[in-house]
Amino acid sequence: MPPEKTRCGEHGEAIATLKRDTADQWTAIDKLRNRLPIWATVLISVLTFALGFTLNYAVMAAKMAMLAKQ
């Protein structure tokens, strides 16, 4: 038997494992490609903060106004 085929037969399991690992790596890369860009994530965070701050301030101002009327 030629040495090439013998070596391939001995390392067949390792080759299959490497092919599986390569497929797993490409799956992970595709998941990273399909996510939201960083700037969009930061924008959503800033807008969420602004909305929460504004609502909190509005509620506090309304409570202060009610207390001032009493």
PDB file of N, CA and C in Angstrom:
ATOM      1  N   MET A   1       0.849  -1.175   0.000  1.00  0.00           N
ATOM      2  CA  MET A   1       0.000   0.000   0.000  1.00  0.00           C
ATOM      3  C   MET A   1       0.899   1.244   0.000  1.00  0.00           C
ATOM      4  N   PRO A   2       0.544   2.271  -0.782  1.00  0.00           N
ATOM      5  CA  PRO A   2       1.364   3.494  -0.805  1.00  0.00           C
ATOM      6  C   PRO A   2       1.337   4.189   0.556  1.00  0.00           C
ATOM      7  N   PRO A   3       2.433   4.832   0.933  1.00  0.00           N
ATOM      8  CA  PRO A   3       2.497   5.492   2.238  1.00  0.00           C
ATOM      9  C   PRO A   3       1.460   6.591   2.414  1.00  0.00           C
ATOM     10  N   GLU A   4       1.075   7.266   1.317  1.00  0.00           N
ATOM     11  CA  GLU A   4       0.093   8.350   1.432  1.00  0.00           C
ATOM     12  C   GLU A   4      -1.252   7.825   1.938  1.00  0.00           C
ATOM     13  N   LYS A   5      -1.677   6.715   1.396  1.00  0.00           N
ATOM     14  CA  LYS A   5      -2.962   6.153   1.798  1.00  0.00           C
ATOM     15  C   LYS A   5      -2.896   5.633   3.233  1.00  0.00           C
ATOM     16  N   THR A   6      -1.766   5.101   3.626  1.00  0.00           N
ATOM     17  CA  THR A   6      -1.607   4.601   4.980  1.00  0.00           C
ATOM     18  C   THR A   6      -1.702   5.756   5.978  1.00  0.00           C
ATOM     19  N   ARG A   7      -1.009   6.842   5.688  1.00  0.00           N
ATOM     20  CA  ARG A   7      -1.058   7.986   6.602  1.00  0.00           C
ATOM     21  C   ARG A   7      -2.468   8.573   6.676  1.00  0.00           C
ATOM     22  N   CYS A   8      -3.129   8.632   5.544  1.00  0.00           N
ATOM     23  CA  CYS A   8      -4.485   9.166   5.528  1.00  0.00           C
ATOM     24  C   CYS A   8      -5.410   8.274   6.351  1.00  0.00           C
ATOM     25  N   GLY A   9      -5.228   6.964   6.225  1.00  0.00           N
ATOM     26  CA  GLY A   9      -6.043   6.042   6.994  1.00  0.00           C
ATOM     27  C   GLY A   9      -5.802   6.172   8.480  1.00  0.00           C
ATOM     28  N   GLU A  10      -4.561   6.412   8.868  1.00  0.00           N
ATOM     29  CA  GLU A  10      -4.236   6.562  10.278  1.00  0.00           C
ATOM     30  C   GLU A  10      -4.801   7.850  10.853  1.00  0.00           C
ATOM     31  N   HIS A  11      -4.853   8.872  10.042  1.00  0.00           N
ATOM     32  CA  HIS A  11      -5.280  10.191  10.522  1.00  0.00           C
ATOM     33  C   HIS A  11      -6.679  10.574  10.049  1.00  0.00           C
ATOM     34  N   GLY A  12      -7.424   9.589   9.594  1.00  0.00           N
ATOM     35  CA  GLY A  12      -8.769   9.865   9.082  1.00  0.00           C
ATOM     36  C   GLY A  12      -9.672  10.518  10.116  1.00  0.00           C
ATOM     37  N   GLU A  13      -9.588  10.052  11.346  1.00  0.00           N
ATOM     38  CA  GLU A  13     -10.428  10.615  12.405  1.00  0.00           C
ATOM     39  C   GLU A  13     -10.027  12.058  12.713  1.00  0.00           C
ATOM     40  N   ALA A  14      -8.728  12.310  12.716  1.00  0.00           N
ATOM     41  CA  ALA A  14      -8.247  13.673  12.963  1.00  0.00           C
ATOM     42  C   ALA A  14      -8.687  14.611  11.856  1.00  0.00           C
ATOM     43  N   ILE A  15      -8.659  14.129  10.621  1.00  0.00           N
ATOM     44  CA  ILE A  15      -9.097  14.955   9.496  1.00  0.00           C
ATOM     45  C   ILE A  15     -10.579  15.267   9.617  1.00  0.00           C
ATOM     46  N   ALA A  16     -11.376  14.297   9.974  1.00  0.00           N
ATOM     47  CA  ALA A  16     -12.813  14.519  10.145  1.00  0.00           C
ATOM     48  C   ALA A  16     -13.071  15.522  11.262  1.00  0.00           C
ATOM     49  N   THR A  17     -12.311  15.422  12.344  1.00  0.00           N
ATOM     50  CA  THR A  17     -12.457  16.370  13.454  1.00  0.00           C
ATOM     51  C   THR A  17     -12.099  17.782  13.016  1.00  0.00           C
ATOM     52  N   LEU A  18     -11.014  17.904  12.250  1.00  0.00           N
ATOM     53  CA  LEU A  18     -10.612  19.228  11.760  1.00  0.00           C
ATOM     54  C   LEU A  18     -11.653  19.819  10.825  1.00  0.00           C
ATOM     55  N   LYS A  19     -12.257  18.988   9.976  1.00  0.00           N
ATOM     56  CA  LYS A  19     -13.313  19.478   9.082  1.00  0.00           C
ATOM     57  C   LYS A  19     -14.515  19.954   9.885  1.00  0.00           C
ATOM     58  N   ARG A  20     -14.859  19.212  10.932  1.00  0.00           N
ATOM     59  CA  ARG A  20     -15.983  19.594  11.795  1.00  0.00           C
ATOM     60  C   ARG A  20     -15.674  20.909  12.519  1.00  0.00           C
ATOM     61  N   ASP A  21     -14.432  21.043  12.999  1.00  0.00           N
ATOM     62  CA  ASP A  21     -14.027  22.274  13.679  1.00  0.00           C
ATOM     63  C   ASP A  21     -14.069  23.467  12.732  1.00  0.00           C
ATOM     64  N   THR A  22     -13.651  23.257  11.495  1.00  0.00           N
ATOM     65  CA  THR A  22     -13.691  24.327  10.501  1.00  0.00           C
ATOM     66  C   THR A  22     -15.133  24.761  10.244  1.00  0.00           C
ATOM     67  N   ALA A  23     -16.025  23.805  10.147  1.00  0.00           N
ATOM     68  CA  ALA A  23     -17.440  24.132   9.947  1.00  0.00           C
ATOM     69  C   ALA A  23     -17.977  24.904  11.144  1.00  0.00           C
ATOM     70  N   ASP A  24     -17.594  24.510  12.342  1.00  0.00           N
ATOM     71  CA  ASP A  24     -18.031  25.221  13.549  1.00  0.00           C
ATOM     72  C   ASP A  24     -17.495  26.647  13.573  1.00  0.00           C
ATOM     73  N   GLN A  25     -16.258  26.834  13.138  1.00  0.00           N
ATOM     74  CA  GLN A  25     -15.679  28.180  13.107  1.00  0.00           C
ATOM     75  C   GLN A  25     -16.423  29.066  12.118  1.00  0.00           C
ATOM     76  N   TRP A  26     -16.760  28.523  10.950  1.00  0.00           N
ATOM     77  CA  TRP A  26     -17.487  29.328   9.975  1.00  0.00           C
ATOM     78  C   TRP A  26     -18.899  29.642  10.455  1.00  0.00           C
ATOM     79  N   THR A  27     -19.507  28.740  11.193  1.00  0.00           N
ATOM     80  CA  THR A  27     -20.817  29.018  11.778  1.00  0.00           C
ATOM     81  C   THR A  27     -20.717  30.181  12.760  1.00  0.00           C
ATOM     82  N   ALA A  28     -19.679  30.192  13.585  1.00  0.00           N
ATOM     83  CA  ALA A  28     -19.474  31.286  14.539  1.00  0.00           C
ATOM     84  C   ALA A  28     -19.206  32.597  13.813  1.00  0.00           C
ATOM     85  N   ILE A  29     -18.426  32.553  12.747  1.00  0.00           N
ATOM     86  CA  ILE A  29     -18.144  33.772  11.974  1.00  0.00           C
ATOM     87  C   ILE A  29     -19.422  34.308  11.346  1.00  0.00           C
ATOM     88  N   ASP A  30     -20.267  33.432  10.823  1.00  0.00           N
ATOM     89  CA  ASP A  30     -21.532  33.878  10.232  1.00  0.00           C
ATOM     90  C   ASP A  30     -22.440  34.513  11.281  1.00  0.00           C
ATOM     91  N   LYS A  31     -22.427  33.985  12.496  1.00  0.00           N
ATOM     92  CA  LYS A  31     -23.233  34.597  13.560  1.00  0.00           C
ATOM     93  C   LYS A  31     -22.723  35.993  13.880  1.00  0.00           C
ATOM     94  N   LEU A  32     -21.410  36.184  13.873  1.00  0.00           N
ATOM     95  CA  LEU A  32     -20.851  37.512  14.123  1.00  0.00           C
ATOM     96  C   LEU A  32     -21.184  38.475  12.995  1.00  0.00           C
ATOM     97  N   ARG A  33     -21.198  37.982  11.785  1.00  0.00           N
ATOM     98  CA  ARG A  33     -21.520  38.835  10.635  1.00  0.00           C
ATOM     99  C   ARG A  33     -22.960  39.307  10.672  1.00  0.00           C
ATOM    100  N   ASN A  34     -23.855  38.507  11.220  1.00  0.00           N
ATOM    101  CA  ASN A  34     -25.280  38.808  11.189  1.00  0.00           C
ATOM    102  C   ASN A  34     -25.763  39.599  12.400  1.00  0.00           C
ATOM    103  N   ARG A  35     -24.851  40.082  13.222  1.00  0.00           N
ATOM    104  CA  ARG A  35     -25.294  40.827  14.395  1.00  0.00           C
ATOM    105  C   ARG A  35     -25.360  42.321  14.079  1.00  0.00           C
ATOM    106  N   LEU A  36     -25.964  43.064  14.991  1.00  0.00           N
ATOM    107  CA  LEU A  36     -26.104  44.507  14.843  1.00  0.00           C
ATOM    108  C   LEU A  36     -24.735  45.175  14.937  1.00  0.00           C
ATOM    109  N   PRO A  37     -24.496  46.207  14.127  1.00  0.00           N
ATOM    110  CA  PRO A  37     -23.209  46.918  14.228  1.00  0.00           C
ATOM    111  C   PRO A  37     -23.053  47.587  15.599  1.00  0.00           C
ATOM    112  N   ILE A  38     -21.816  47.831  15.981  1.00  0.00           N
ATOM    113  CA  ILE A  38     -21.539  48.418  17.293  1.00  0.00           C
ATOM    114  C   ILE A  38     -22.172  49.792  17.422  1.00  0.00           C
ATOM    115  N   TRP A  39     -22.116  50.606  16.361  1.00  0.00           N
ATOM    116  CA  TRP A  39     -22.680  51.956  16.454  1.00  0.00           C
ATOM    117  C   TRP A  39     -24.182  51.896  16.707  1.00  0.00           C
ATOM    118  N   ALA A  40     -24.866  50.914  16.134  1.00  0.00           N
ATOM    119  CA  ALA A  40     -26.309  50.795  16.354  1.00  0.00           C
ATOM    120  C   ALA A  40     -26.599  50.360  17.789  1.00  0.00           C
ATOM    121  N   THR A  41     -25.777  49.487  18.329  1.00  0.00           N
ATOM    122  CA  THR A  41     -25.946  49.055  19.712  1.00  0.00           C
ATOM    123  C   THR A  41     -25.735  50.229  20.667  1.00  0.00           C
ATOM    124  N   VAL A  42     -24.707  51.034  20.405  1.00  0.00           N
ATOM    125  CA  VAL A  42     -24.439  52.204  21.244  1.00  0.00           C
ATOM    126  C   VAL A  42     -25.587  53.205  21.122  1.00  0.00           C
ATOM    127  N   LEU A  43     -26.083  53.415  19.914  1.00  0.00           N
ATOM    128  CA  LEU A  43     -27.198  54.350  19.715  1.00  0.00           C
ATOM    129  C   LEU A  43     -28.437  53.904  20.485  1.00  0.00           C
ATOM    130  N   ILE A  44     -28.757  52.635  20.419  1.00  0.00           N
ATOM    131  CA  ILE A  44     -29.912  52.116  21.164  1.00  0.00           C
ATOM    132  C   ILE A  44     -29.707  52.312  22.662  1.00  0.00           C
ATOM    133  N   SER A  45     -28.498  52.090  23.150  1.00  0.00           N
ATOM    134  CA  SER A  45     -28.213  52.283  24.574  1.00  0.00           C
ATOM    135  C   SER A  45     -28.389  53.743  24.980  1.00  0.00           C
ATOM    136  N   VAL A  46     -27.877  54.651  24.178  1.00  0.00           N
ATOM    137  CA  VAL A  46     -27.989  56.080  24.484  1.00  0.00           C
ATOM    138  C   VAL A  46     -29.449  56.522  24.447  1.00  0.00           C
ATOM    139  N   LEU A  47     -30.192  56.073  23.457  1.00  0.00           N
ATOM    140  CA  LEU A  47     -31.613  56.441  23.376  1.00  0.00           C
ATOM    141  C   LEU A  47     -32.410  55.864  24.545  1.00  0.00           C
ATOM    142  N   THR A  48     -32.079  54.657  24.959  1.00  0.00           N
ATOM    143  CA  THR A  48     -32.747  54.059  26.118  1.00  0.00           C
ATOM    144  C   THR A  48     -32.447  54.856  27.384  1.00  0.00           C
ATOM    145  N   PHE A  49     -31.189  55.263  27.551  1.00  0.00           N
ATOM    146  CA  PHE A  49     -30.818  56.086  28.693  1.00  0.00           C
ATOM    147  C   PHE A  49     -31.576  57.408  28.667  1.00  0.00           C
ATOM    148  N   ALA A  50     -31.630  58.056  27.506  1.00  0.00           N
ATOM    149  CA  ALA A  50     -32.306  59.349  27.386  1.00  0.00           C
ATOM    150  C   ALA A  50     -33.793  59.217  27.703  1.00  0.00           C
ATOM    151  N   LEU A  51     -34.415  58.181  27.211  1.00  0.00           N
ATOM    152  CA  LEU A  51     -35.833  57.961  27.493  1.00  0.00           C
ATOM    153  C   LEU A  51     -36.066  57.719  28.981  1.00  0.00           C
ATOM    154  N   GLY A  52     -35.260  56.886  29.584  1.00  0.00           N
ATOM    155  CA  GLY A  52     -35.405  56.618  31.018  1.00  0.00           C
ATOM    156  C   GLY A  52     -35.163  57.860  31.857  1.00  0.00           C
ATOM    157  N   PHE A  53     -34.144  58.636  31.507  1.00  0.00           N
ATOM    158  CA  PHE A  53     -33.848  59.867  32.232  1.00  0.00           C
ATOM    159  C   PHE A  53     -34.999  60.860  32.109  1.00  0.00           C
ATOM    160  N   THR A  54     -35.521  61.012  30.898  1.00  0.00           N
ATOM    161  CA  THR A  54     -36.628  61.951  30.661  1.00  0.00           C
ATOM    162  C   THR A  54     -37.883  61.524  31.415  1.00  0.00           C
ATOM    163  N   LEU A  55     -38.210  60.255  31.363  1.00  0.00           N
ATOM    164  CA  LEU A  55     -39.399  59.785  32.085  1.00  0.00           C
ATOM    165  C   LEU A  55     -39.230  59.937  33.593  1.00  0.00           C
ATOM    166  N   ASN A  56     -38.061  59.639  34.093  1.00  0.00           N
ATOM    167  CA  ASN A  56     -37.795  59.785  35.516  1.00  0.00           C
ATOM    168  C   ASN A  56     -37.935  61.250  35.933  1.00  0.00           C
ATOM    169  N   TYR A  57     -37.362  62.147  35.142  1.00  0.00           N
ATOM    170  CA  TYR A  57     -37.448  63.571  35.438  1.00  0.00           C
ATOM    171  C   TYR A  57     -38.895  64.055  35.386  1.00  0.00           C
ATOM    172  N   ALA A  58     -39.668  63.577  34.399  1.00  0.00           N
ATOM    173  CA  ALA A  58     -41.066  63.981  34.275  1.00  0.00           C
ATOM    174  C   ALA A  58     -41.879  63.512  35.482  1.00  0.00           C
ATOM    175  N   VAL A  59     -41.644  62.295  35.933  1.00  0.00           N
ATOM    176  CA  VAL A  59     -42.376  61.776  37.094  1.00  0.00           C
ATOM    177  C   VAL A  59     -41.993  62.556  38.345  1.00  0.00           C
ATOM    178  N   MET A  60     -40.707  62.829  38.516  1.00  0.00           N
ATOM    179  CA  MET A  60     -40.274  63.606  39.687  1.00  0.00           C
ATOM    180  C   MET A  60     -40.846  65.017  39.656  1.00  0.00           C
ATOM    181  N   ALA A  61     -40.874  65.646  38.483  1.00  0.00           N
ATOM    182  CA  ALA A  61     -41.426  66.998  38.359  1.00  0.00           C
ATOM    183  C   ALA A  61     -42.920  66.995  38.679  1.00  0.00           C
ATOM    184  N   ALA A  62     -43.639  65.981  38.229  1.00  0.00           N
ATOM    185  CA  ALA A  62     -45.070  65.891  38.522  1.00  0.00           C
ATOM    186  C   ALA A  62     -45.304  65.716  40.016  1.00  0.00           C
ATOM    187  N   LYS A  63     -44.501  64.908  40.688  1.00  0.00           N
ATOM    188  CA  LYS A  63     -44.635  64.704  42.133  1.00  0.00           C
ATOM    189  C   LYS A  63     -44.324  66.000  42.886  1.00  0.00           C
ATOM    190  N   MET A  64     -43.289  66.693  42.441  1.00  0.00           N
ATOM    191  CA  MET A  64     -42.933  67.962  43.098  1.00  0.00           C
ATOM    192  C   MET A  64     -44.053  68.997  42.922  1.00  0.00           C
ATOM    193  N   ALA A  65     -44.655  69.003  41.737  1.00  0.00           N
ATOM    194  CA  ALA A  65     -45.765  69.936  41.493  1.00  0.00           C
ATOM    195  C   ALA A  65     -46.947  69.620  42.382  1.00  0.00           C
ATOM    196  N   MET A  66     -47.223  68.332  42.566  1.00  0.00           N
ATOM    197  CA  MET A  66     -48.341  67.933  43.437  1.00  0.00           C
ATOM    198  C   MET A  66     -48.040  68.328  44.885  1.00  0.00           C
ATOM    199  N   LEU A  67     -46.792  68.173  45.316  1.00  0.00           N
ATOM    200  CA  LEU A  67     -46.430  68.553  46.674  1.00  0.00           C
ATOM    201  C   LEU A  67     -46.476  70.060  46.864  1.00  0.00           C
ATOM    202  N   ALA A  68     -46.135  70.811  45.845  1.00  0.00           N
ATOM    203  CA  ALA A  68     -46.159  72.266  45.928  1.00  0.00           C
ATOM    204  C   ALA A  68     -47.577  72.801  46.041  1.00  0.00           C
ATOM    205  N   LYS A  69     -48.539  72.113  45.466  1.00  0.00           N
ATOM    206  CA  LYS A  69     -49.940  72.545  45.527  1.00  0.00           C
ATOM    207  C   LYS A  69     -50.535  72.342  46.916  1.00  0.00           C
ATOM    208  N   GLN A  70     -49.980  71.424  47.666  1.00  0.00           N
ATOM    209  CA  GLN A  70     -50.559  71.123  48.995  1.00  0.00           C
ATOM    210  C   GLN A  70     -50.164  72.136  49.964  1.00  0.00           C
TER     211      GLN A  70
END
